[in-house]
Amino acid sequence: MIVAISIGAVTVPLGDVWGIVWHHVTGQGASGDLATDQIVWNFRTPRVVLAALVGAGLAVSGAVLQTVVANPLADPIVLGFSYGATLGAVLVITLGGGVALAGLGVSAAAFLGAVAAGALVFALGQRRGRMAPTRLVLAGVAVGYVFLSATSYVQLQATPTELRTVMFWMLGSVAGAQWDQLPTVTVVVLAGTALLTLFGRRLNVLLAGDDSAAALGVDVNRLRAVLLVLSALLTGTVIAVAGSIGFVGLMIPHLVRLTLGADHRRLLPLTALLGALYLVLVDLLSRTLNRPNELPLGILTALLGAPFFLWLLRRNKGLD
């Protein structure tokens, strides 16, 4: 993160970055000249911290959803959560006056959109009271396209000013990160990750199947409902501040499982850390590959994630 803060249109030495951050956090040491202090503390540090929080939230949500629906291809965007959250946020921007309802209003709308999408997917993915993994993925794709088409329709009704803001949600970015956005996101991501980790033992039981989980005394339907709400909360919160960013929740959990196994008590904290690192690096690429222009995060995560998705599809024989 310190390296990511130091690199940009103006490169700041690592020692200066550390000194400025240390000064603002502890009140000790010197902050350097005013211009460098502004670049490091007011522009780059909140951006890097937000990227880490968003990456952690999406990765943890993806790890939980893959277990809940017993499908290794599940993640917030494949199951339609991201599209639902995007529609909710875009509706508030275009119909609610945009700037006047920014912050909590947009976050709440994104959360409700994610929950609505998740409820539809789980309702359509059930057959005779049981969830079928293939049906869940197909339902997620269908529901995602419905929410995406609704978002496109809302875009047609938007003014040019609103349309520029809407494009942020469609492509994903942390370029506008500000310190006042971070407290809510930090609390939700850290508390959500910690709470889901406490469910780690029951998530491990779900891996054995519904019948085995029920035999061990787990209320499978209630557990799935709780995990769905927590995943939707994580997804809606991070999308509310960073827009729609795909494939993070698909890639990162699998990378951790391939190296450290599937025990959720270790998987979820390590997934959060790797997800944070991954999106910090992607954001660094987004602002350095085509200087001085910036690439949206969604473009880069799709370029990296889609090949991984195809590789996973071929590798996992259980999908046959």
Protein backbone atom coordinates (compact mmCIF):
# COMPACT_ATOMS: atom_id res chain seq x y z
CA MET A 1 0.00 0.00 0.00
CA ILE A 2 2.88 2.36 0.74
CA VAL A 3 4.35 1.60 -2.71
CA ALA A 4 0.97 2.25 -4.34
CA ILE A 5 0.70 5.60 -2.56
CA SER A 6 4.15 6.63 -3.75
CA ILE A 7 3.55 5.96 -7.46
CA GLY A 8 1.54 8.29 -9.66
CA ALA A 9 1.79 11.33 -11.91
CA VAL A 10 4.20 12.67 -9.31
CA THR A 11 6.40 9.99 -7.75
CA VAL A 12 6.98 10.44 -4.03
CA PRO A 13 9.90 8.62 -2.36
CA LEU A 14 8.82 5.76 -0.08
CA GLY A 15 10.51 7.39 2.92
CA ASP A 16 8.52 10.58 2.41
CA VAL A 17 5.27 8.61 2.05
CA TRP A 18 5.90 6.74 5.28
CA GLY A 19 6.85 9.94 7.09
CA ILE A 20 3.68 11.75 6.00
CA VAL A 21 1.38 8.85 6.84
CA TRP A 22 3.10 8.36 10.20
CA HIS A 23 2.76 12.07 10.98
CA HIS A 24 -0.98 12.14 10.27
CA VAL A 25 -1.69 8.89 12.13
CA THR A 26 0.41 9.49 15.23
CA GLY A 27 1.05 13.26 15.21
CA GLN A 28 4.78 12.65 15.39
CA GLY A 29 7.48 13.56 12.89
CA ALA A 30 7.33 16.04 10.01
CA SER A 31 4.77 16.03 7.19
CA GLY A 32 7.08 17.47 4.54
CA ASP A 33 6.16 20.26 2.12
CA LEU A 34 2.49 21.19 1.71
CA ALA A 35 2.10 20.01 -1.90
CA THR A 36 3.54 16.56 -1.22
CA ASP A 37 1.48 16.26 1.94
CA GLN A 38 -1.69 17.05 -0.03
CA ILE A 39 -0.87 14.49 -2.73
CA VAL A 40 -0.05 11.71 -0.28
CA TRP A 41 -2.61 12.23 2.48
CA ASN A 42 -5.62 13.82 0.79
CA PHE A 43 -5.57 12.15 -2.63
CA ARG A 44 -3.66 8.87 -2.71
CA THR A 45 -3.97 7.42 0.79
CA PRO A 46 -7.80 7.39 0.93
CA ARG A 47 -7.84 5.95 -2.59
CA VAL A 48 -5.49 3.09 -1.72
CA VAL A 49 -7.28 2.36 1.57
CA LEU A 50 -10.66 2.29 -0.22
CA ALA A 51 -9.29 -0.04 -2.90
CA ALA A 52 -8.09 -2.41 -0.16
CA LEU A 53 -11.47 -2.35 1.60
CA VAL A 54 -13.41 -2.92 -1.63
CA GLY A 55 -11.15 -5.80 -2.66
CA ALA A 56 -11.50 -7.43 0.75
CA GLY A 57 -15.29 -7.07 0.81
CA LEU A 58 -15.84 -8.48 -2.67
CA ALA A 59 -13.43 -11.38 -2.11
CA VAL A 60 -15.02 -12.43 1.20
CA SER A 61 -18.51 -12.15 -0.27
CA GLY A 62 -17.49 -14.35 -3.20
CA ALA A 63 -15.95 -16.98 -0.91
CA VAL A 64 -19.14 -17.22 1.15
CA LEU A 65 -21.45 -17.35 -1.86
CA GLN A 66 -19.44 -20.16 -3.46
CA THR A 67 -20.01 -22.27 -0.35
CA VAL A 68 -23.63 -21.26 0.21
CA VAL A 69 -24.71 -22.21 -3.32
CA ALA A 70 -22.23 -25.11 -3.62
CA ASN A 71 -20.92 -23.74 -6.90
CA PRO A 72 -17.28 -22.74 -7.51
CA LEU A 73 -18.30 -20.27 -10.22
CA ALA A 74 -20.44 -18.13 -7.91
CA ASP A 75 -19.52 -14.57 -7.03
CA PRO A 76 -21.42 -11.30 -6.46
CA ILE A 77 -21.50 -10.41 -10.16
CA VAL A 78 -22.31 -13.87 -11.50
CA LEU A 79 -25.22 -14.18 -9.05
CA GLY A 80 -26.53 -10.73 -9.96
CA PHE A 81 -25.75 -9.03 -6.63
CA SER A 82 -23.53 -6.44 -8.28
CA TYR A 83 -26.07 -5.57 -10.95
CA GLY A 84 -28.81 -5.20 -8.35
CA ALA A 85 -26.65 -2.90 -6.25
CA THR A 86 -25.72 -0.87 -9.33
CA LEU A 87 -29.35 -0.40 -10.31
CA GLY A 88 -30.25 0.77 -6.82
CA ALA A 89 -27.44 3.31 -6.76
CA VAL A 90 -28.16 4.57 -10.27
CA LEU A 91 -31.85 5.03 -9.48
CA VAL A 92 -30.97 7.26 -6.53
CA ILE A 93 -28.51 9.26 -8.63
CA THR A 94 -30.93 9.89 -11.49
CA LEU A 95 -34.28 10.09 -9.68
CA GLY A 96 -33.18 11.41 -6.30
CA GLY A 97 -31.17 14.45 -7.24
CA GLY A 98 -27.75 12.79 -7.34
CA VAL A 99 -25.49 14.90 -5.14
CA ALA A 100 -28.24 15.71 -2.63
CA LEU A 101 -28.76 12.04 -1.84
CA ALA A 102 -25.14 10.89 -2.11
CA GLY A 103 -23.55 8.91 0.70
CA LEU A 104 -26.02 7.06 2.89
CA GLY A 105 -28.87 7.28 0.39
CA VAL A 106 -26.84 5.74 -2.41
CA SER A 107 -25.38 3.13 -0.05
CA ALA A 108 -28.81 2.13 1.23
CA ALA A 109 -30.18 1.87 -2.31
CA ALA A 110 -27.20 -0.24 -3.42
CA PHE A 111 -27.70 -2.54 -0.43
CA LEU A 112 -31.41 -2.96 -1.12
CA GLY A 113 -30.67 -3.63 -4.79
CA ALA A 114 -28.18 -6.33 -3.87
CA VAL A 115 -30.65 -7.94 -1.45
CA ALA A 116 -33.45 -7.82 -4.06
CA ALA A 117 -31.25 -9.47 -6.67
CA GLY A 118 -30.12 -12.12 -4.19
CA ALA A 119 -33.70 -12.88 -3.13
CA LEU A 120 -34.77 -13.34 -6.75
CA VAL A 121 -31.83 -15.58 -7.58
CA PHE A 122 -32.38 -17.80 -4.58
CA ALA A 123 -36.14 -18.01 -5.25
CA LEU A 124 -35.62 -18.93 -8.90
CA GLY A 125 -32.73 -21.27 -8.12
CA GLN A 126 -34.79 -23.56 -5.89
CA ARG A 127 -36.58 -26.70 -6.99
CA ARG A 128 -38.89 -28.51 -4.57
CA GLY A 129 -37.38 -26.66 -1.65
CA ARG A 130 -33.79 -27.52 -2.52
CA MET A 131 -31.18 -25.33 -4.19
CA ALA A 132 -29.68 -26.62 -7.42
CA PRO A 133 -26.22 -25.13 -8.13
CA THR A 134 -26.70 -25.03 -11.90
CA ARG A 135 -30.12 -23.41 -11.57
CA LEU A 136 -28.69 -20.80 -9.21
CA VAL A 137 -25.99 -19.76 -11.67
CA LEU A 138 -28.45 -19.62 -14.57
CA ALA A 139 -30.90 -17.66 -12.44
CA GLY A 140 -28.09 -15.28 -11.45
CA VAL A 141 -27.17 -14.64 -15.07
CA ALA A 142 -30.81 -14.03 -16.02
CA VAL A 143 -31.54 -11.75 -13.06
CA GLY A 144 -28.28 -9.90 -13.69
CA TYR A 145 -29.31 -9.15 -17.26
CA VAL A 146 -32.73 -7.93 -16.11
CA PHE A 147 -31.15 -5.49 -13.66
CA LEU A 148 -28.55 -4.49 -16.26
CA SER A 149 -31.23 -3.73 -18.85
CA ALA A 150 -33.15 -1.70 -16.26
CA THR A 151 -29.97 0.25 -15.49
CA SER A 152 -29.49 0.91 -19.22
CA TYR A 153 -33.06 2.21 -19.46
CA VAL A 154 -32.47 4.56 -16.52
CA GLN A 155 -29.34 5.81 -18.28
CA LEU A 156 -31.45 6.83 -21.28
CA GLN A 157 -33.56 9.03 -19.00
CA ALA A 158 -30.57 10.67 -17.31
CA THR A 159 -29.26 14.15 -18.00
CA PRO A 160 -25.69 14.52 -19.33
CA THR A 161 -24.47 15.47 -15.84
CA GLU A 162 -26.18 12.48 -14.24
CA LEU A 163 -24.95 10.21 -17.02
CA ARG A 164 -21.33 10.96 -16.18
CA THR A 165 -21.98 9.95 -12.59
CA VAL A 166 -23.84 6.82 -13.70
CA MET A 167 -20.86 5.70 -15.77
CA PHE A 168 -18.87 5.55 -12.53
CA TRP A 169 -21.16 2.82 -11.25
CA MET A 170 -21.04 0.92 -14.51
CA LEU A 171 -17.25 0.80 -14.79
CA GLY A 172 -15.98 0.97 -11.20
CA SER A 173 -13.37 3.32 -9.78
CA VAL A 174 -11.87 4.51 -6.50
CA ALA A 175 -10.52 7.73 -8.00
CA GLY A 176 -12.95 9.89 -6.05
CA ALA A 177 -12.17 8.38 -2.66
CA GLN A 178 -12.46 10.75 0.29
CA TRP A 179 -11.75 10.29 3.97
CA ASP A 180 -15.39 10.77 4.97
CA GLN A 181 -16.37 7.70 2.90
CA LEU A 182 -14.04 5.35 4.73
CA PRO A 183 -15.51 4.96 8.25
CA THR A 184 -18.75 3.26 7.13
CA VAL A 185 -17.00 1.02 4.60
CA THR A 186 -14.29 0.10 7.12
CA VAL A 187 -16.81 -0.87 9.80
CA VAL A 188 -18.94 -2.95 7.41
CA VAL A 189 -16.02 -4.78 5.77
CA LEU A 190 -14.12 -5.51 9.00
CA ALA A 191 -17.20 -6.42 11.03
CA GLY A 192 -18.67 -8.45 8.15
CA THR A 193 -15.45 -10.38 7.64
CA ALA A 194 -15.09 -11.05 11.36
CA LEU A 195 -18.72 -12.16 11.68
CA LEU A 196 -18.54 -14.45 8.66
CA THR A 197 -15.33 -15.95 10.02
CA LEU A 198 -17.25 -16.84 13.19
CA PHE A 199 -19.57 -18.83 10.91
CA GLY A 200 -16.50 -20.67 9.59
CA ARG A 201 -17.25 -24.00 11.28
CA ARG A 202 -20.83 -24.04 9.95
CA LEU A 203 -19.62 -23.05 6.49
CA ASN A 204 -17.27 -26.02 6.63
CA VAL A 205 -20.24 -28.25 7.45
CA LEU A 206 -22.12 -26.91 4.40
CA LEU A 207 -19.31 -28.24 2.22
CA ALA A 208 -20.44 -31.76 3.15
CA GLY A 209 -23.93 -31.14 1.74
CA ASP A 210 -27.34 -30.19 3.11
CA ASP A 211 -28.19 -33.64 4.48
CA SER A 212 -24.94 -33.93 6.41
CA ALA A 213 -25.29 -30.37 7.73
CA ALA A 214 -28.85 -31.03 8.90
CA ALA A 215 -27.75 -34.27 10.57
CA LEU A 216 -25.17 -32.27 12.54
CA GLY A 217 -27.87 -29.91 13.81
CA VAL A 218 -27.39 -27.00 11.39
CA ASP A 219 -30.55 -25.17 10.26
CA VAL A 220 -29.49 -24.98 6.61
CA ASN A 221 -32.21 -22.64 5.36
CA ARG A 222 -31.75 -20.17 8.21
CA LEU A 223 -27.96 -20.27 7.84
CA ARG A 224 -28.22 -19.58 4.11
CA ALA A 225 -30.56 -16.64 4.74
CA VAL A 226 -28.15 -15.08 7.27
CA LEU A 227 -25.15 -15.58 5.00
CA LEU A 228 -27.08 -14.14 2.06
CA VAL A 229 -27.90 -10.95 3.97
CA LEU A 230 -24.30 -10.53 5.16
CA SER A 231 -22.95 -11.09 1.64
CA ALA A 232 -25.45 -8.62 0.22
CA LEU A 233 -24.46 -6.07 2.88
CA LEU A 234 -20.77 -6.41 1.96
CA THR A 235 -21.48 -6.24 -1.76
CA GLY A 236 -23.91 -3.33 -1.57
CA THR A 237 -21.64 -1.28 0.70
CA VAL A 238 -18.50 -1.55 -1.41
CA ILE A 239 -20.34 -1.07 -4.72
CA ALA A 240 -21.98 2.02 -3.26
CA VAL A 241 -18.57 3.69 -3.05
CA ALA A 242 -16.64 2.00 -5.88
CA GLY A 243 -19.16 1.00 -8.53
CA SER A 244 -19.52 -2.41 -10.16
CA ILE A 245 -16.25 -4.37 -10.14
CA GLY A 246 -16.36 -7.97 -11.32
CA PHE A 247 -14.39 -11.19 -10.89
CA VAL A 248 -12.66 -10.24 -7.62
CA GLY A 249 -15.04 -12.50 -5.69
CA LEU A 250 -14.45 -15.30 -8.17
CA MET A 251 -10.67 -15.30 -8.44
CA ILE A 252 -9.36 -14.57 -4.98
CA PRO A 253 -11.16 -17.29 -2.95
CA HIS A 254 -9.99 -19.95 -5.39
CA LEU A 255 -6.40 -18.77 -5.25
CA VAL A 256 -6.47 -19.10 -1.45
CA ARG A 257 -8.17 -22.52 -1.58
CA LEU A 258 -5.61 -23.83 -4.06
CA THR A 259 -2.77 -23.00 -1.67
CA LEU A 260 -4.19 -23.23 1.86
CA GLY A 261 -7.26 -25.45 1.69
CA ALA A 262 -10.97 -24.85 2.25
CA ASP A 263 -11.20 -24.35 6.04
CA HIS A 264 -13.25 -21.15 6.23
CA ARG A 265 -11.76 -20.19 9.58
CA ARG A 266 -8.50 -19.51 7.73
CA LEU A 267 -9.92 -19.03 4.25
CA LEU A 268 -12.00 -15.92 4.94
CA PRO A 269 -9.36 -13.75 6.72
CA LEU A 270 -6.69 -14.68 4.15
CA THR A 271 -9.15 -14.10 1.30
CA ALA A 272 -9.81 -10.61 2.67
CA LEU A 273 -6.07 -9.85 2.79
CA LEU A 274 -5.38 -11.18 -0.71
CA GLY A 275 -8.46 -9.40 -2.11
CA ALA A 276 -7.23 -6.13 -0.60
CA LEU A 277 -3.76 -6.60 -2.07
CA TYR A 278 -5.18 -7.56 -5.48
CA LEU A 279 -7.40 -4.51 -5.90
CA VAL A 280 -4.67 -2.16 -4.66
CA LEU A 281 -2.41 -3.53 -7.42
CA VAL A 282 -5.19 -3.32 -10.02
CA ASP A 283 -5.85 0.30 -9.06
CA LEU A 284 -2.13 1.02 -9.35
CA LEU A 285 -2.17 -0.43 -12.88
CA SER A 286 -5.29 1.56 -13.76
CA ARG A 287 -3.52 4.86 -13.16
CA THR A 288 -0.07 3.96 -14.52
CA LEU A 289 -0.67 1.93 -17.70
CA ASN A 290 -1.98 4.87 -19.71
CA ARG A 291 -0.72 8.00 -17.98
CA PRO A 292 -2.10 10.59 -17.48
CA ASN A 293 -5.42 8.89 -18.27
CA GLU A 294 -6.95 6.32 -15.93
CA LEU A 295 -8.59 3.02 -16.83
CA PRO A 296 -11.73 1.94 -14.96
CA LEU A 297 -11.14 -0.88 -12.50
CA GLY A 298 -13.89 -2.99 -14.04
CA ILE A 299 -12.04 -3.19 -17.34
CA LEU A 300 -8.85 -4.52 -15.78
CA THR A 301 -10.54 -6.96 -13.39
CA ALA A 302 -12.52 -8.37 -16.33
CA LEU A 303 -9.37 -8.72 -18.46
CA LEU A 304 -7.69 -10.62 -15.63
CA GLY A 305 -10.74 -12.46 -14.33
CA ALA A 306 -12.37 -13.77 -17.51
CA PRO A 307 -9.41 -16.01 -18.49
CA PHE A 308 -9.32 -17.29 -14.89
CA PHE A 309 -13.05 -18.04 -15.10
CA LEU A 310 -12.52 -20.09 -18.28
CA TRP A 311 -9.56 -21.93 -16.76
CA LEU A 312 -11.62 -22.77 -13.67
CA LEU A 313 -14.48 -23.96 -15.88
CA ARG A 314 -12.18 -26.43 -17.64
CA ARG A 315 -10.35 -27.48 -14.48
CA ASN A 316 -13.36 -28.27 -12.28
CA LYS A 317 -14.64 -31.67 -13.43
CA GLY A 318 -17.41 -31.53 -10.85
CA LEU A 319 -19.24 -29.05 -13.07
CA ASP A 320 -19.85 -31.84 -15.58
